[in-house]
Amino acid sequence: MEQTENTKVDVKIEFSTTLEKILMDLGCEISKITEWSPSMITDIFQLALEDANAHTFNEGITKLRKEHNF
């Protein structure tokens, strides 16, 4: 009869990608795609706010942009 041995192996896997890093990378990609245009970046931000139904906040951003000719 063959003798077997039980071996316990502890494995720890850590992922370095965090939500913060993903958001930072996304922000950098948006900047590159828009060629670092502040007005285009703000347009994208406002489109995302509309999609998230943040209408009142989005209206405030629009007002702020008009006040600063942005």
Protein backbone atom coordinates (compact mmCIF):
# COMPACT_ATOMS: atom_id res chain seq x y z
CA MET A 1 0.00 0.00 0.00
CA GLU A 2 1.34 3.42 -1.00
CA GLN A 3 1.85 5.91 1.77
CA THR A 4 0.61 9.48 1.19
CA GLU A 5 1.49 12.64 2.99
CA ASN A 6 -0.76 15.62 3.47
CA THR A 7 0.87 18.97 2.88
CA LYS A 8 -0.76 22.25 3.74
CA VAL A 9 0.11 25.17 1.50
CA ASP A 10 -0.90 28.71 2.40
CA VAL A 11 -1.37 30.95 -0.60
CA LYS A 12 -1.87 34.66 -0.36
CA ILE A 13 -2.73 36.64 -3.49
CA GLU A 14 -2.75 40.41 -3.34
CA PHE A 15 -4.00 42.62 -6.11
CA SER A 16 -2.36 46.01 -6.38
CA THR A 17 -5.19 47.44 -8.47
CA THR A 18 -7.49 49.46 -6.29
CA LEU A 19 -10.55 51.47 -7.21
CA GLU A 20 -8.52 54.62 -6.61
CA LYS A 21 -5.86 53.51 -9.11
CA ILE A 22 -8.49 52.54 -11.68
CA LEU A 23 -10.10 55.98 -11.36
CA MET A 24 -6.74 57.74 -11.60
CA ASP A 25 -5.89 55.75 -14.74
CA LEU A 26 -9.31 56.51 -16.21
CA GLY A 27 -8.82 60.22 -15.51
CA CYS A 28 -5.46 60.14 -17.30
CA GLU A 29 -6.99 58.36 -20.28
CA ILE A 30 -9.82 60.90 -20.51
CA SER A 31 -7.25 63.71 -20.44
CA LYS A 32 -5.24 62.09 -23.24
CA ILE A 33 -8.30 61.35 -25.39
CA THR A 34 -9.49 64.96 -25.08
CA GLU A 35 -5.95 66.26 -25.65
CA TRP A 36 -6.01 67.84 -22.18
CA SER A 37 -8.95 70.12 -23.04
CA PRO A 38 -10.55 71.32 -19.78
CA SER A 39 -13.85 72.12 -21.52
CA MET A 40 -14.08 68.67 -23.12
CA ILE A 41 -13.20 67.00 -19.81
CA THR A 42 -15.97 69.03 -18.15
CA ASP A 43 -18.38 68.04 -20.95
CA ILE A 44 -17.65 64.37 -20.22
CA PHE A 45 -18.09 64.98 -16.49
CA GLN A 46 -21.46 66.61 -17.10
CA LEU A 47 -22.61 63.81 -19.40
CA ALA A 48 -21.73 61.32 -16.65
CA LEU A 49 -23.68 63.42 -14.11
CA GLU A 50 -26.74 63.38 -16.38
CA ASP A 51 -26.43 59.62 -16.76
CA ALA A 52 -26.32 59.35 -12.96
CA ASN A 53 -29.45 61.54 -12.67
CA ALA A 54 -27.56 64.26 -10.79
CA HIS A 55 -29.58 66.94 -12.57
CA THR A 56 -29.51 69.64 -9.88
CA PHE A 57 -25.77 69.32 -9.35
CA ASN A 58 -25.24 69.34 -13.10
CA GLU A 59 -27.24 72.57 -13.41
CA GLY A 60 -24.90 74.11 -10.82
CA ILE A 61 -21.88 73.07 -12.89
CA THR A 62 -23.46 74.62 -16.00
CA LYS A 63 -24.09 77.87 -14.11
CA LEU A 64 -20.50 77.89 -12.81
CA ARG A 65 -19.16 77.32 -16.34
CA LYS A 66 -21.21 80.25 -17.66
CA GLU A 67 -20.02 82.52 -14.84
CA HIS A 68 -16.40 81.72 -15.70
CA ASN A 69 -16.85 81.62 -19.50
CA PHE A 70 -15.68 78.01 -19.46
